[in-house]
Amino acid sequence: MVATSADARHLSPLTGGDAVEAGALLGRAFMDDPLMRYYFEGSPDRSRPVRKTMTLAARLTLRYGTGFRLDCNGRPAGAALLLPPSVQDFPLPAVLAAIARTPSLWRPRALQRHFAVSASIQGHRPTFPCWLLLLLGIAPERQHRGHGSWLLERVLHSLPASSPICLETVNERNLPLYFRHGFEITSEFVTHDGQGPRAWSMLRAPPRS
């Protein structure tokens, strides 16, 4: 499907008041993501923990980085979360404090898997400063209309042209989207010492002068 006149798009920065709405949207977008399935394997209903996880990510991003929301015809359709070069990841004390405020969100196995996956991903990130695209998601009912590509293009244009941008994806079908926008694979690996989902680290280098 392609965008129509009914899909009038508008991009705006995420604010603190958007965290819950953005978390709910990203929760629906990532409900069947391999990483979410791995974290919450065996859960009879992933919807609540995935939504809460994405809301936590949105809140931490707005504290340490920046985010964008995509609205189509005045309704939320997508969101993107980024961290600047000065912040390689959420500070561990902030993550632990957020987890402590929501003790029912993560079961011990899910928490152990989260930290193990995070450690393996961190080991494949660039050693030089770069922007980190943490999450980019489109509401399920708005997918396959070009909104993800549109959102990614606007997000990239909002960043300094001289800054490299990195990301990780655990969904192979996302690779063509990132290839089209100038990203290249820098590493392919299986997270959590071979126990978790396969991941791809990608980098979009700044254009050469």
C-alpha atoms as a PDB file:
ATOM      1  CA  MET A   1       0.000   0.000   0.000  1.00  0.00           C
ATOM      2  CA  VAL A   2       1.083   3.571  -0.546  1.00  0.00           C
ATOM      3  CA  ALA A   3       0.297   6.742   1.324  1.00  0.00           C
ATOM      4  CA  THR A   4      -2.796   8.626   0.216  1.00  0.00           C
ATOM      5  CA  SER A   5      -4.144  12.103   0.801  1.00  0.00           C
ATOM      6  CA  ALA A   6      -5.763  10.691   3.953  1.00  0.00           C
ATOM      7  CA  ASP A   7      -2.274   9.931   5.253  1.00  0.00           C
ATOM      8  CA  ALA A   8      -1.195  13.585   5.619  1.00  0.00           C
ATOM      9  CA  ARG A   9       2.000  13.334   7.642  1.00  0.00           C
ATOM     10  CA  HIS A  10       3.383  15.607  10.320  1.00  0.00           C
ATOM     11  CA  LEU A  11       6.616  15.208  12.284  1.00  0.00           C
ATOM     12  CA  SER A  12       7.121  16.800  15.694  1.00  0.00           C
ATOM     13  CA  PRO A  13       9.491  16.340  18.648  1.00  0.00           C
ATOM     14  CA  LEU A  14       8.372  14.064  21.436  1.00  0.00           C
ATOM     15  CA  THR A  15       7.761  15.793  24.761  1.00  0.00           C
ATOM     16  CA  GLY A  16       7.469  14.452  28.272  1.00  0.00           C
ATOM     17  CA  GLY A  17       3.722  14.294  27.937  1.00  0.00           C
ATOM     18  CA  ASP A  18       4.043  11.997  24.911  1.00  0.00           C
ATOM     19  CA  ALA A  19       5.880   9.165  26.686  1.00  0.00           C
ATOM     20  CA  VAL A  20       2.845   7.053  27.549  1.00  0.00           C
ATOM     21  CA  GLU A  21       1.258   7.451  24.117  1.00  0.00           C
ATOM     22  CA  ALA A  22       4.560   6.767  22.345  1.00  0.00           C
ATOM     23  CA  GLY A  23       5.142   3.735  24.564  1.00  0.00           C
ATOM     24  CA  ALA A  24       1.729   2.337  23.719  1.00  0.00           C
ATOM     25  CA  LEU A  25       2.297   2.839  19.992  1.00  0.00           C
ATOM     26  CA  LEU A  26       5.777   1.306  20.064  1.00  0.00           C
ATOM     27  CA  GLY A  27       4.442  -1.521  22.198  1.00  0.00           C
ATOM     28  CA  ARG A  28       1.970  -2.442  19.479  1.00  0.00           C
ATOM     29  CA  ALA A  29       4.600  -2.018  16.768  1.00  0.00           C
ATOM     30  CA  PHE A  30       7.095  -4.310  18.533  1.00  0.00           C
ATOM     31  CA  MET A  31       4.657  -6.860  19.946  1.00  0.00           C
ATOM     32  CA  ASP A  32       6.041  -9.645  17.741  1.00  0.00           C
ATOM     33  CA  ASP A  33       9.627  -8.396  17.633  1.00  0.00           C
ATOM     34  CA  PRO A  34      12.073 -11.292  18.178  1.00  0.00           C
ATOM     35  CA  LEU A  35      13.682  -9.492  21.111  1.00  0.00           C
ATOM     36  CA  MET A  36      10.371  -8.924  22.886  1.00  0.00           C
ATOM     37  CA  ARG A  37       9.434 -12.549  22.295  1.00  0.00           C
ATOM     38  CA  TYR A  38      12.764 -13.585  23.806  1.00  0.00           C
ATOM     39  CA  TYR A  39      12.441 -11.355  26.863  1.00  0.00           C
ATOM     40  CA  PHE A  40       8.872 -12.393  27.596  1.00  0.00           C
ATOM     41  CA  GLU A  41       8.977 -15.953  26.332  1.00  0.00           C
ATOM     42  CA  GLY A  42       6.188 -18.008  27.843  1.00  0.00           C
ATOM     43  CA  SER A  43       4.119 -15.004  28.885  1.00  0.00           C
ATOM     44  CA  PRO A  44       0.444 -15.680  28.135  1.00  0.00           C
ATOM     45  CA  ASP A  45       0.025 -12.041  27.120  1.00  0.00           C
ATOM     46  CA  ARG A  46       3.028  -9.940  26.042  1.00  0.00           C
ATOM     47  CA  SER A  47       1.004  -6.791  25.429  1.00  0.00           C
ATOM     48  CA  ARG A  48       1.362  -5.293  28.901  1.00  0.00           C
ATOM     49  CA  PRO A  49       5.088  -5.941  29.494  1.00  0.00           C
ATOM     50  CA  VAL A  50       6.010  -4.857  25.956  1.00  0.00           C
ATOM     51  CA  ARG A  51       3.975  -1.663  26.287  1.00  0.00           C
ATOM     52  CA  LYS A  52       5.494  -0.917  29.689  1.00  0.00           C
ATOM     53  CA  THR A  53       8.989  -1.614  28.367  1.00  0.00           C
ATOM     54  CA  MET A  54       8.510   0.786  25.472  1.00  0.00           C
ATOM     55  CA  THR A  55       7.057   3.443  27.763  1.00  0.00           C
ATOM     56  CA  LEU A  56      10.106   3.113  30.004  1.00  0.00           C
ATOM     57  CA  ALA A  57      12.357   3.440  26.930  1.00  0.00           C
ATOM     58  CA  ALA A  58      10.468   6.564  25.814  1.00  0.00           C
ATOM     59  CA  ARG A  59      10.776   8.176  29.244  1.00  0.00           C
ATOM     60  CA  LEU A  60      14.493   7.443  29.502  1.00  0.00           C
ATOM     61  CA  THR A  61      15.057   8.679  25.960  1.00  0.00           C
ATOM     62  CA  LEU A  62      13.350  11.973  26.697  1.00  0.00           C
ATOM     63  CA  ARG A  63      15.600  12.318  29.738  1.00  0.00           C
ATOM     64  CA  TYR A  64      18.871  11.515  27.977  1.00  0.00           C
ATOM     65  CA  GLY A  65      18.181  11.926  24.278  1.00  0.00           C
ATOM     66  CA  THR A  66      15.511  12.980  21.838  1.00  0.00           C
ATOM     67  CA  GLY A  67      12.481  11.546  20.123  1.00  0.00           C
ATOM     68  CA  PHE A  68      10.058  12.243  17.292  1.00  0.00           C
ATOM     69  CA  ARG A  69       6.438  11.423  16.666  1.00  0.00           C
ATOM     70  CA  LEU A  70       4.742  10.914  13.346  1.00  0.00           C
ATOM     71  CA  ASP A  71       1.084  11.861  13.065  1.00  0.00           C
ATOM     72  CA  CYS A  72      -1.071  10.926  10.087  1.00  0.00           C
ATOM     73  CA  ASN A  73      -4.222  12.938   9.619  1.00  0.00           C
ATOM     74  CA  GLY A  74      -3.870  14.159  13.198  1.00  0.00           C
ATOM     75  CA  ARG A  75      -3.530  10.698  14.740  1.00  0.00           C
ATOM     76  CA  PRO A  76      -0.327   9.109  16.134  1.00  0.00           C
ATOM     77  CA  ALA A  77       1.202   6.745  13.601  1.00  0.00           C
ATOM     78  CA  GLY A  78       4.873   6.313  14.506  1.00  0.00           C
ATOM     79  CA  ALA A  79       7.721   7.222  16.815  1.00  0.00           C
ATOM     80  CA  ALA A  80      11.513   7.242  16.837  1.00  0.00           C
ATOM     81  CA  LEU A  81      13.869   7.340  19.832  1.00  0.00           C
ATOM     82  CA  LEU A  82      17.520   8.453  19.625  1.00  0.00           C
ATOM     83  CA  LEU A  83      20.502   9.030  21.890  1.00  0.00           C
ATOM     84  CA  PRO A  84      23.157  11.653  21.056  1.00  0.00           C
ATOM     85  CA  PRO A  85      26.876  10.872  20.620  1.00  0.00           C
ATOM     86  CA  SER A  86      27.560  11.935  24.204  1.00  0.00           C
ATOM     87  CA  VAL A  87      25.299   9.146  25.542  1.00  0.00           C
ATOM     88  CA  GLN A  88      26.154   5.622  24.378  1.00  0.00           C
ATOM     89  CA  ASP A  89      23.315   4.030  26.331  1.00  0.00           C
ATOM     90  CA  PHE A  90      20.965   4.700  29.213  1.00  0.00           C
ATOM     91  CA  PRO A  91      22.978   5.031  32.437  1.00  0.00           C
ATOM     92  CA  LEU A  92      22.711   1.831  34.467  1.00  0.00           C
ATOM     93  CA  PRO A  93      21.569   3.608  37.679  1.00  0.00           C
ATOM     94  CA  ALA A  94      18.693   5.208  35.756  1.00  0.00           C
ATOM     95  CA  VAL A  95      17.664   1.842  34.297  1.00  0.00           C
ATOM     96  CA  LEU A  96      17.798   0.147  37.696  1.00  0.00           C
ATOM     97  CA  ALA A  97      15.791   2.957  39.286  1.00  0.00           C
ATOM     98  CA  ALA A  98      13.146   2.694  36.578  1.00  0.00           C
ATOM     99  CA  ILE A  99      12.963  -1.070  37.017  1.00  0.00           C
ATOM    100  CA  ALA A 100      12.638  -0.662  40.785  1.00  0.00           C
ATOM    101  CA  ARG A 101       9.629   1.621  40.263  1.00  0.00           C
ATOM    102  CA  THR A 102       7.896  -1.093  38.230  1.00  0.00           C
ATOM    103  CA  PRO A 103       8.860  -4.339  40.030  1.00  0.00           C
ATOM    104  CA  SER A 104       6.085  -6.355  38.394  1.00  0.00           C
ATOM    105  CA  LEU A 105       7.233  -5.498  34.868  1.00  0.00           C
ATOM    106  CA  TRP A 106      10.258  -7.780  34.611  1.00  0.00           C
ATOM    107  CA  ARG A 107      10.427 -11.318  35.886  1.00  0.00           C
ATOM    108  CA  PRO A 108      13.930 -12.439  36.936  1.00  0.00           C
ATOM    109  CA  ARG A 109      14.515 -14.427  33.725  1.00  0.00           C
ATOM    110  CA  ALA A 110      13.395 -11.523  31.524  1.00  0.00           C
ATOM    111  CA  LEU A 111      15.643  -9.131  33.442  1.00  0.00           C
ATOM    112  CA  GLN A 112      18.627 -11.456  33.152  1.00  0.00           C
ATOM    113  CA  ARG A 113      18.035 -11.815  29.422  1.00  0.00           C
ATOM    114  CA  HIS A 114      17.723  -8.059  28.986  1.00  0.00           C
ATOM    115  CA  PHE A 115      21.088  -7.330  30.568  1.00  0.00           C
ATOM    116  CA  ALA A 116      22.772 -10.201  28.715  1.00  0.00           C
ATOM    117  CA  VAL A 117      21.414  -9.052  25.355  1.00  0.00           C
ATOM    118  CA  SER A 118      22.339  -5.437  26.116  1.00  0.00           C
ATOM    119  CA  ALA A 119      25.912  -6.443  26.935  1.00  0.00           C
ATOM    120  CA  SER A 120      26.309  -8.372  23.686  1.00  0.00           C
ATOM    121  CA  ILE A 121      24.845  -5.514  21.652  1.00  0.00           C
ATOM    122  CA  GLN A 122      27.085  -2.969  23.359  1.00  0.00           C
ATOM    123  CA  GLY A 123      30.093  -5.028  22.358  1.00  0.00           C
ATOM    124  CA  HIS A 124      29.254  -4.529  18.671  1.00  0.00           C
ATOM    125  CA  ARG A 125      28.612  -0.789  18.717  1.00  0.00           C
ATOM    126  CA  PRO A 126      31.138   1.671  17.250  1.00  0.00           C
ATOM    127  CA  THR A 127      33.900   2.779  19.573  1.00  0.00           C
ATOM    128  CA  PHE A 128      33.677   6.340  18.228  1.00  0.00           C
ATOM    129  CA  PRO A 129      30.886   8.817  19.062  1.00  0.00           C
ATOM    130  CA  CYS A 130      27.756   8.521  16.945  1.00  0.00           C
ATOM    131  CA  TRP A 131      24.029   9.025  17.167  1.00  0.00           C
ATOM    132  CA  LEU A 132      22.150   5.887  18.181  1.00  0.00           C
ATOM    133  CA  LEU A 133      18.757   5.135  16.679  1.00  0.00           C
ATOM    134  CA  LEU A 134      17.289   3.089  19.500  1.00  0.00           C
ATOM    135  CA  LEU A 135      13.805   2.450  18.155  1.00  0.00           C
ATOM    136  CA  LEU A 136      11.707   3.341  15.153  1.00  0.00           C
ATOM    137  CA  GLY A 137       8.203   1.945  14.937  1.00  0.00           C
ATOM    138  CA  ILE A 138       4.974   2.405  13.025  1.00  0.00           C
ATOM    139  CA  ALA A 139       1.540   1.494  14.352  1.00  0.00           C
ATOM    140  CA  PRO A 140       0.525  -1.897  12.886  1.00  0.00           C
ATOM    141  CA  GLU A 141      -2.512  -0.495  11.104  1.00  0.00           C
ATOM    142  CA  ARG A 142      -0.298   2.111   9.400  1.00  0.00           C
ATOM    143  CA  GLN A 143       2.470  -0.206   8.255  1.00  0.00           C
ATOM    144  CA  HIS A 144       3.296  -0.959   4.603  1.00  0.00           C
ATOM    145  CA  ARG A 145       2.328   2.549   3.485  1.00  0.00           C
ATOM    146  CA  GLY A 146       5.782   4.111   3.366  1.00  0.00           C
ATOM    147  CA  HIS A 147       5.481   5.783   6.762  1.00  0.00           C
ATOM    148  CA  GLY A 148       8.556   4.070   8.193  1.00  0.00           C
ATOM    149  CA  SER A 149      10.731   5.263   5.324  1.00  0.00           C
ATOM    150  CA  TRP A 150       9.278   8.773   5.579  1.00  0.00           C
ATOM    151  CA  LEU A 151       9.881   8.914   9.320  1.00  0.00           C
ATOM    152  CA  LEU A 152      13.432   7.598   9.019  1.00  0.00           C
ATOM    153  CA  GLU A 153      14.286  10.093   6.285  1.00  0.00           C
ATOM    154  CA  ARG A 154      13.020  13.031   8.376  1.00  0.00           C
ATOM    155  CA  VAL A 155      14.836  11.815  11.458  1.00  0.00           C
ATOM    156  CA  LEU A 156      18.102  11.533   9.538  1.00  0.00           C
ATOM    157  CA  HIS A 157      17.651  15.009   8.078  1.00  0.00           C
ATOM    158  CA  SER A 158      17.134  16.415  11.569  1.00  0.00           C
ATOM    159  CA  LEU A 159      20.592  15.283  12.688  1.00  0.00           C
ATOM    160  CA  PRO A 160      23.883  17.031  11.901  1.00  0.00           C
ATOM    161  CA  ALA A 161      25.074  15.982   8.452  1.00  0.00           C
ATOM    162  CA  SER A 162      28.576  15.332   9.791  1.00  0.00           C
ATOM    163  CA  SER A 163      27.453  12.848  12.462  1.00  0.00           C
ATOM    164  CA  PRO A 164      27.560   9.076  11.965  1.00  0.00           C
ATOM    165  CA  ILE A 165      24.448   7.173  13.042  1.00  0.00           C
ATOM    166  CA  CYS A 166      24.310   3.588  14.277  1.00  0.00           C
ATOM    167  CA  LEU A 167      21.523   1.165  15.118  1.00  0.00           C
ATOM    168  CA  GLU A 168      20.774  -2.464  15.843  1.00  0.00           C
ATOM    169  CA  THR A 169      17.930  -4.565  14.510  1.00  0.00           C
ATOM    170  CA  VAL A 170      16.896  -8.115  15.324  1.00  0.00           C
ATOM    171  CA  ASN A 171      14.447  -8.244  12.443  1.00  0.00           C
ATOM    172  CA  GLU A 172      16.039  -9.189   9.130  1.00  0.00           C
ATOM    173  CA  ARG A 173      13.149  -7.806   7.113  1.00  0.00           C
ATOM    174  CA  ASN A 174      14.104  -4.306   8.311  1.00  0.00           C
ATOM    175  CA  LEU A 175      17.490  -4.455   6.602  1.00  0.00           C
ATOM    176  CA  PRO A 176      16.320  -3.279   3.135  1.00  0.00           C
ATOM    177  CA  LEU A 177      14.768  -0.147   4.675  1.00  0.00           C
ATOM    178  CA  TYR A 178      18.039   0.800   6.323  1.00  0.00           C
ATOM    179  CA  PHE A 179      20.078  -0.072   3.238  1.00  0.00           C
ATOM    180  CA  ARG A 180      17.960   2.365   1.208  1.00  0.00           C
ATOM    181  CA  HIS A 181      18.810   5.120   3.659  1.00  0.00           C
ATOM    182  CA  GLY A 182      22.567   4.645   3.540  1.00  0.00           C
ATOM    183  CA  PHE A 183      23.190   2.211   6.406  1.00  0.00           C
ATOM    184  CA  GLU A 184      25.652  -0.638   6.081  1.00  0.00           C
ATOM    185  CA  ILE A 185      26.004  -3.758   8.199  1.00  0.00           C
ATOM    186  CA  THR A 186      29.030  -3.607  10.481  1.00  0.00           C
ATOM    187  CA  SER A 187      28.382  -6.805  12.420  1.00  0.00           C
ATOM    188  CA  GLU A 188      26.044  -9.798  12.460  1.00  0.00           C
ATOM    189  CA  PHE A 189      25.864 -11.840  15.648  1.00  0.00           C
ATOM    190  CA  VAL A 190      23.617 -13.894  17.911  1.00  0.00           C
ATOM    191  CA  THR A 191      22.845 -12.106  21.156  1.00  0.00           C
ATOM    192  CA  HIS A 192      23.225 -13.442  24.693  1.00  0.00           C
ATOM    193  CA  ASP A 193      26.144 -15.752  23.918  1.00  0.00           C
ATOM    194  CA  GLY A 194      24.224 -17.502  21.175  1.00  0.00           C
ATOM    195  CA  GLN A 195      21.022 -17.952  23.171  1.00  0.00           C
ATOM    196  CA  GLY A 196      19.095 -14.878  22.002  1.00  0.00           C
ATOM    197  CA  PRO A 197      17.898 -13.624  18.625  1.00  0.00           C
ATOM    198  CA  ARG A 198      20.253 -12.813  15.762  1.00  0.00           C
ATOM    199  CA  ALA A 199      21.119  -9.133  15.488  1.00  0.00           C
ATOM    200  CA  TRP A 200      22.625  -6.807  12.915  1.00  0.00           C
ATOM    201  CA  SER A 201      24.630  -3.724  13.834  1.00  0.00           C
ATOM    202  CA  MET A 202      24.457  -0.997  11.186  1.00  0.00           C
ATOM    203  CA  LEU A 203      26.170   2.321  10.579  1.00  0.00           C
ATOM    204  CA  ARG A 204      25.423   5.295   8.383  1.00  0.00           C
ATOM    205  CA  ALA A 205      28.656   7.177   7.917  1.00  0.00           C
ATOM    206  CA  PRO A 206      28.621  10.902   7.097  1.00  0.00           C
ATOM    207  CA  PRO A 207      29.195  11.782   3.444  1.00  0.00           C
ATOM    208  CA  ARG A 208      32.817  12.290   2.492  1.00  0.00           C
ATOM    209  CA  SER A 209      33.815  15.861   1.831  1.00  0.00           C
END
